[in-house]
Amino acid sequence: MIAVVTVLSAFALGYFMRSRLAANTTYAVAYLWAFTYQTLYLILDSFGGTSDAPAFEPSDFPLSYGLVTLAIFGLGFALVEAGHRLRLRRRSRRGELVPT
């Protein structure tokens, strides 16, 4: 779920929002909402859900889950920046003034 939120929103937010701060904050809020929802879903499944193969065991600390989600979070910020830079590059090609 967090990967879907990152792919669908991060680049678009960077491209369509003028402010980098607003784009990064909006992405972070969307990501953290999805992260909370996904984590709760996986924890409930590991504590006695109906799944045959839960994401992690209740007695183990899910370090790999944390590292993967942190990497996705960082990738999202990189996509926001890429969208913002593409927008600035397109505006400069059209001859519009680009704020520095």
N, C-alpha and C. Protein backbone atom coordinates (compact mmCIF):
# COMPACT_ATOMS: atom_id res chain seq x y z
N MET A 1 0.81 -1.18 0.00
CA MET A 1 0.00 0.00 0.00
C MET A 1 0.87 1.27 0.00
N ILE A 2 1.95 1.26 0.76
CA ILE A 2 2.80 2.45 0.79
C ILE A 2 3.52 2.64 -0.54
N ALA A 3 3.84 1.55 -1.20
CA ALA A 3 4.48 1.67 -2.51
C ALA A 3 3.50 2.26 -3.53
N VAL A 4 2.25 1.89 -3.44
CA VAL A 4 1.23 2.42 -4.35
C VAL A 4 1.04 3.92 -4.10
N VAL A 5 0.97 4.32 -2.84
CA VAL A 5 0.83 5.74 -2.52
C VAL A 5 2.04 6.52 -3.03
N THR A 6 3.22 5.95 -2.87
CA THR A 6 4.43 6.62 -3.32
C THR A 6 4.46 6.78 -4.84
N VAL A 7 4.16 5.72 -5.55
CA VAL A 7 4.22 5.76 -7.01
C VAL A 7 3.14 6.69 -7.58
N LEU A 8 1.94 6.65 -7.01
CA LEU A 8 0.85 7.44 -7.56
C LEU A 8 0.90 8.92 -7.18
N SER A 9 1.51 9.25 -6.05
CA SER A 9 1.41 10.63 -5.59
C SER A 9 2.71 11.43 -5.61
N ALA A 10 3.84 10.82 -5.36
CA ALA A 10 5.07 11.58 -5.12
C ALA A 10 5.48 12.43 -6.33
N PHE A 11 5.59 11.83 -7.49
CA PHE A 11 6.04 12.58 -8.66
C PHE A 11 5.02 13.65 -9.04
N ALA A 12 3.75 13.30 -8.98
CA ALA A 12 2.70 14.26 -9.34
C ALA A 12 2.69 15.45 -8.38
N LEU A 13 2.88 15.21 -7.11
CA LEU A 13 2.92 16.31 -6.15
C LEU A 13 4.09 17.24 -6.43
N GLY A 14 5.24 16.67 -6.73
CA GLY A 14 6.39 17.49 -7.06
C GLY A 14 6.19 18.30 -8.33
N TYR A 15 5.48 17.74 -9.28
CA TYR A 15 5.27 18.42 -10.55
C TYR A 15 4.22 19.52 -10.46
N PHE A 16 3.12 19.25 -9.78
CA PHE A 16 2.00 20.18 -9.80
C PHE A 16 2.00 21.22 -8.68
N MET A 17 2.72 20.99 -7.61
CA MET A 17 2.74 21.96 -6.53
C MET A 17 3.96 22.88 -6.69
N ARG A 18 3.75 24.16 -6.50
CA ARG A 18 4.83 25.13 -6.68
C ARG A 18 5.87 25.03 -5.58
N SER A 19 5.43 24.86 -4.37
CA SER A 19 6.33 24.86 -3.22
C SER A 19 6.86 23.44 -2.95
N ARG A 20 8.17 23.33 -2.83
CA ARG A 20 8.76 22.04 -2.47
C ARG A 20 8.34 21.62 -1.07
N LEU A 21 8.28 22.58 -0.16
CA LEU A 21 7.88 22.27 1.21
C LEU A 21 6.46 21.72 1.26
N ALA A 22 5.55 22.35 0.54
CA ALA A 22 4.17 21.87 0.51
C ALA A 22 4.07 20.49 -0.14
N ALA A 23 4.82 20.27 -1.21
CA ALA A 23 4.80 18.97 -1.88
C ALA A 23 5.37 17.87 -0.98
N ASN A 24 6.50 18.16 -0.33
CA ASN A 24 7.09 17.16 0.57
C ASN A 24 6.20 16.89 1.78
N THR A 25 5.58 17.92 2.32
CA THR A 25 4.71 17.74 3.47
C THR A 25 3.47 16.94 3.09
N THR A 26 2.89 17.24 1.95
CA THR A 26 1.71 16.50 1.49
C THR A 26 2.06 15.04 1.24
N TYR A 27 3.20 14.80 0.62
CA TYR A 27 3.62 13.42 0.40
C TYR A 27 3.85 12.70 1.73
N ALA A 28 4.51 13.36 2.67
CA ALA A 28 4.79 12.74 3.96
C ALA A 28 3.51 12.39 4.70
N VAL A 29 2.52 13.26 4.66
CA VAL A 29 1.24 12.97 5.33
C VAL A 29 0.55 11.78 4.66
N ALA A 30 0.51 11.76 3.34
CA ALA A 30 -0.12 10.64 2.63
C ALA A 30 0.62 9.33 2.91
N TYR A 31 1.95 9.38 2.89
CA TYR A 31 2.74 8.18 3.16
C TYR A 31 2.52 7.68 4.58
N LEU A 32 2.57 8.60 5.54
CA LEU A 32 2.43 8.17 6.94
C LEU A 32 1.05 7.63 7.24
N TRP A 33 0.02 8.15 6.57
CA TRP A 33 -1.32 7.58 6.72
C TRP A 33 -1.32 6.14 6.20
N ALA A 34 -0.77 5.93 5.02
CA ALA A 34 -0.73 4.59 4.44
C ALA A 34 0.16 3.66 5.26
N PHE A 35 1.27 4.17 5.79
CA PHE A 35 2.17 3.36 6.61
C PHE A 35 1.46 2.89 7.88
N THR A 36 0.74 3.78 8.53
CA THR A 36 0.00 3.41 9.75
C THR A 36 -1.06 2.36 9.44
N TYR A 37 -1.81 2.57 8.39
CA TYR A 37 -2.85 1.63 8.01
C TYR A 37 -2.26 0.26 7.65
N GLN A 38 -1.19 0.26 6.86
CA GLN A 38 -0.57 -1.00 6.45
C GLN A 38 0.04 -1.74 7.64
N THR A 39 0.71 -1.00 8.52
CA THR A 39 1.33 -1.63 9.68
C THR A 39 0.29 -2.25 10.60
N LEU A 40 -0.80 -1.54 10.84
CA LEU A 40 -1.87 -2.08 11.67
C LEU A 40 -2.45 -3.34 11.05
N TYR A 41 -2.66 -3.32 9.75
CA TYR A 41 -3.19 -4.49 9.05
C TYR A 41 -2.25 -5.69 9.19
N LEU A 42 -0.95 -5.46 9.03
CA LEU A 42 0.01 -6.56 9.13
C LEU A 42 0.16 -7.07 10.56
N ILE A 43 0.10 -6.16 11.54
CA ILE A 43 0.20 -6.59 12.94
C ILE A 43 -1.01 -7.42 13.33
N LEU A 44 -2.19 -6.98 12.96
CA LEU A 44 -3.39 -7.74 13.28
C LEU A 44 -3.37 -9.11 12.62
N ASP A 45 -2.85 -9.17 11.40
CA ASP A 45 -2.75 -10.45 10.71
C ASP A 45 -1.74 -11.37 11.39
N SER A 46 -0.66 -10.82 11.90
CA SER A 46 0.35 -11.67 12.54
C SER A 46 -0.08 -12.13 13.93
N PHE A 47 -1.00 -11.41 14.58
CA PHE A 47 -1.46 -11.79 15.91
C PHE A 47 -2.63 -12.74 15.90
N GLY A 48 -2.97 -13.29 14.80
CA GLY A 48 -4.05 -14.27 14.80
C GLY A 48 -5.01 -14.09 13.66
N GLY A 49 -4.52 -13.60 12.59
CA GLY A 49 -5.35 -13.47 11.40
C GLY A 49 -5.56 -14.82 10.75
N THR A 50 -6.21 -14.80 9.66
CA THR A 50 -6.52 -16.05 8.96
C THR A 50 -5.47 -16.43 7.93
N SER A 51 -4.43 -15.64 7.79
CA SER A 51 -3.39 -15.90 6.79
C SER A 51 -2.50 -17.07 7.21
N ASP A 52 -2.12 -17.89 6.24
CA ASP A 52 -1.21 -19.01 6.51
C ASP A 52 0.23 -18.54 6.66
N ALA A 53 0.57 -17.44 6.03
CA ALA A 53 1.94 -16.91 6.08
C ALA A 53 1.89 -15.43 6.43
N PRO A 54 1.87 -15.10 7.73
CA PRO A 54 1.84 -13.68 8.09
C PRO A 54 3.14 -12.97 7.70
N ALA A 55 3.08 -11.66 7.64
CA ALA A 55 4.23 -10.87 7.21
C ALA A 55 5.40 -11.03 8.17
N PHE A 56 5.13 -11.13 9.47
CA PHE A 56 6.18 -11.35 10.45
C PHE A 56 5.59 -12.04 11.66
N GLU A 57 6.46 -12.68 12.41
CA GLU A 57 6.04 -13.40 13.61
C GLU A 57 5.87 -12.42 14.77
N PRO A 58 4.91 -12.65 15.65
CA PRO A 58 4.69 -11.73 16.77
C PRO A 58 5.88 -11.61 17.71
N SER A 59 6.71 -12.63 17.82
CA SER A 59 7.84 -12.58 18.75
C SER A 59 9.09 -11.96 18.15
N ASP A 60 9.13 -11.73 16.87
CA ASP A 60 10.31 -11.17 16.19
C ASP A 60 10.12 -9.69 15.91
N PHE A 61 11.23 -8.95 16.01
CA PHE A 61 11.22 -7.53 15.64
C PHE A 61 11.38 -7.43 14.14
N PRO A 62 10.45 -6.78 13.43
CA PRO A 62 10.50 -6.74 11.96
C PRO A 62 11.44 -5.66 11.42
N LEU A 63 12.74 -5.86 11.61
CA LEU A 63 13.72 -4.88 11.15
C LEU A 63 13.69 -4.73 9.63
N SER A 64 13.55 -5.83 8.92
CA SER A 64 13.55 -5.75 7.46
C SER A 64 12.35 -4.95 6.95
N TYR A 65 11.21 -5.09 7.61
CA TYR A 65 10.03 -4.31 7.24
C TYR A 65 10.31 -2.81 7.42
N GLY A 66 10.93 -2.46 8.51
CA GLY A 66 11.26 -1.06 8.77
C GLY A 66 12.24 -0.50 7.76
N LEU A 67 13.23 -1.28 7.38
CA LEU A 67 14.22 -0.82 6.41
C LEU A 67 13.62 -0.64 5.02
N VAL A 68 12.76 -1.57 4.63
CA VAL A 68 12.12 -1.46 3.31
C VAL A 68 11.18 -0.25 3.27
N THR A 69 10.41 -0.04 4.31
CA THR A 69 9.50 1.10 4.32
C THR A 69 10.27 2.42 4.37
N LEU A 70 11.41 2.44 5.06
CA LEU A 70 12.24 3.65 5.09
C LEU A 70 12.82 3.94 3.70
N ALA A 71 13.22 2.89 2.99
CA ALA A 71 13.73 3.07 1.63
C ALA A 71 12.65 3.60 0.70
N ILE A 72 11.43 3.12 0.83
CA ILE A 72 10.32 3.61 0.01
C ILE A 72 10.02 5.06 0.35
N PHE A 73 10.10 5.42 1.62
CA PHE A 73 9.88 6.79 2.06
C PHE A 73 10.90 7.73 1.41
N GLY A 74 12.16 7.34 1.43
CA GLY A 74 13.21 8.13 0.80
C GLY A 74 13.05 8.23 -0.71
N LEU A 75 12.65 7.14 -1.33
CA LEU A 75 12.40 7.14 -2.77
C LEU A 75 11.29 8.11 -3.13
N GLY A 76 10.30 8.21 -2.27
CA GLY A 76 9.20 9.14 -2.52
C GLY A 76 9.68 10.58 -2.53
N PHE A 77 10.56 10.93 -1.59
CA PHE A 77 11.10 12.29 -1.59
C PHE A 77 11.94 12.54 -2.83
N ALA A 78 12.64 11.53 -3.30
CA ALA A 78 13.41 11.68 -4.54
C ALA A 78 12.47 11.89 -5.74
N LEU A 79 11.34 11.21 -5.75
CA LEU A 79 10.36 11.40 -6.83
C LEU A 79 9.72 12.79 -6.78
N VAL A 80 9.46 13.29 -5.58
CA VAL A 80 8.94 14.66 -5.45
C VAL A 80 9.95 15.64 -6.03
N GLU A 81 11.21 15.47 -5.70
CA GLU A 81 12.25 16.37 -6.22
C GLU A 81 12.37 16.24 -7.74
N ALA A 82 12.28 15.03 -8.27
CA ALA A 82 12.36 14.84 -9.71
C ALA A 82 11.20 15.52 -10.42
N GLY A 83 10.01 15.41 -9.87
CA GLY A 83 8.86 16.09 -10.45
C GLY A 83 9.01 17.60 -10.43
N HIS A 84 9.53 18.12 -9.34
CA HIS A 84 9.73 19.57 -9.23
C HIS A 84 10.78 20.06 -10.23
N ARG A 85 11.86 19.32 -10.38
CA ARG A 85 12.91 19.72 -11.34
C ARG A 85 12.42 19.64 -12.78
N LEU A 86 11.61 18.62 -13.09
CA LEU A 86 11.07 18.52 -14.44
C LEU A 86 10.15 19.70 -14.74
N ARG A 87 9.35 20.09 -13.78
CA ARG A 87 8.47 21.24 -13.96
C ARG A 87 9.28 22.50 -14.21
N LEU A 88 10.35 22.71 -13.43
CA LEU A 88 11.18 23.89 -13.63
C LEU A 88 11.88 23.87 -14.98
N ARG A 89 12.33 22.70 -15.41
CA ARG A 89 13.00 22.59 -16.70
C ARG A 89 12.05 22.90 -17.84
N ARG A 90 10.82 22.41 -17.75
CA ARG A 90 9.84 22.69 -18.80
C ARG A 90 9.47 24.17 -18.84
N ARG A 91 9.37 24.80 -17.67
CA ARG A 91 9.05 26.22 -17.64
C ARG A 91 10.19 27.04 -18.23
N SER A 92 11.43 26.65 -17.98
CA SER A 92 12.55 27.41 -18.51
C SER A 92 12.66 27.26 -20.03
N ARG A 93 12.24 26.13 -20.57
CA ARG A 93 12.28 25.96 -22.03
C ARG A 93 11.25 26.82 -22.72
N ARG A 94 10.13 27.07 -22.05
CA ARG A 94 9.09 27.92 -22.64
C ARG A 94 9.40 29.40 -22.49
N GLY A 95 10.46 29.72 -21.80
CA GLY A 95 10.86 31.11 -21.65
C GLY A 95 10.21 31.82 -20.49
N GLU A 96 9.54 31.08 -19.62
CA GLU A 96 8.93 31.70 -18.44
C GLU A 96 10.02 31.97 -17.40
N LEU A 97 9.76 32.90 -16.54
CA LEU A 97 10.72 33.20 -15.48
C LEU A 97 10.71 32.07 -14.47
N VAL A 98 11.88 31.64 -14.08
CA VAL A 98 12.03 30.56 -13.11
C VAL A 98 12.63 31.13 -11.85
N PRO A 99 11.93 31.00 -10.71
CA PRO A 99 12.51 31.50 -9.46
C PRO A 99 13.71 30.66 -9.04
N THR A 100 14.72 31.32 -8.51
CA THR A 100 15.91 30.58 -8.08
C THR A 100 15.90 30.36 -6.60
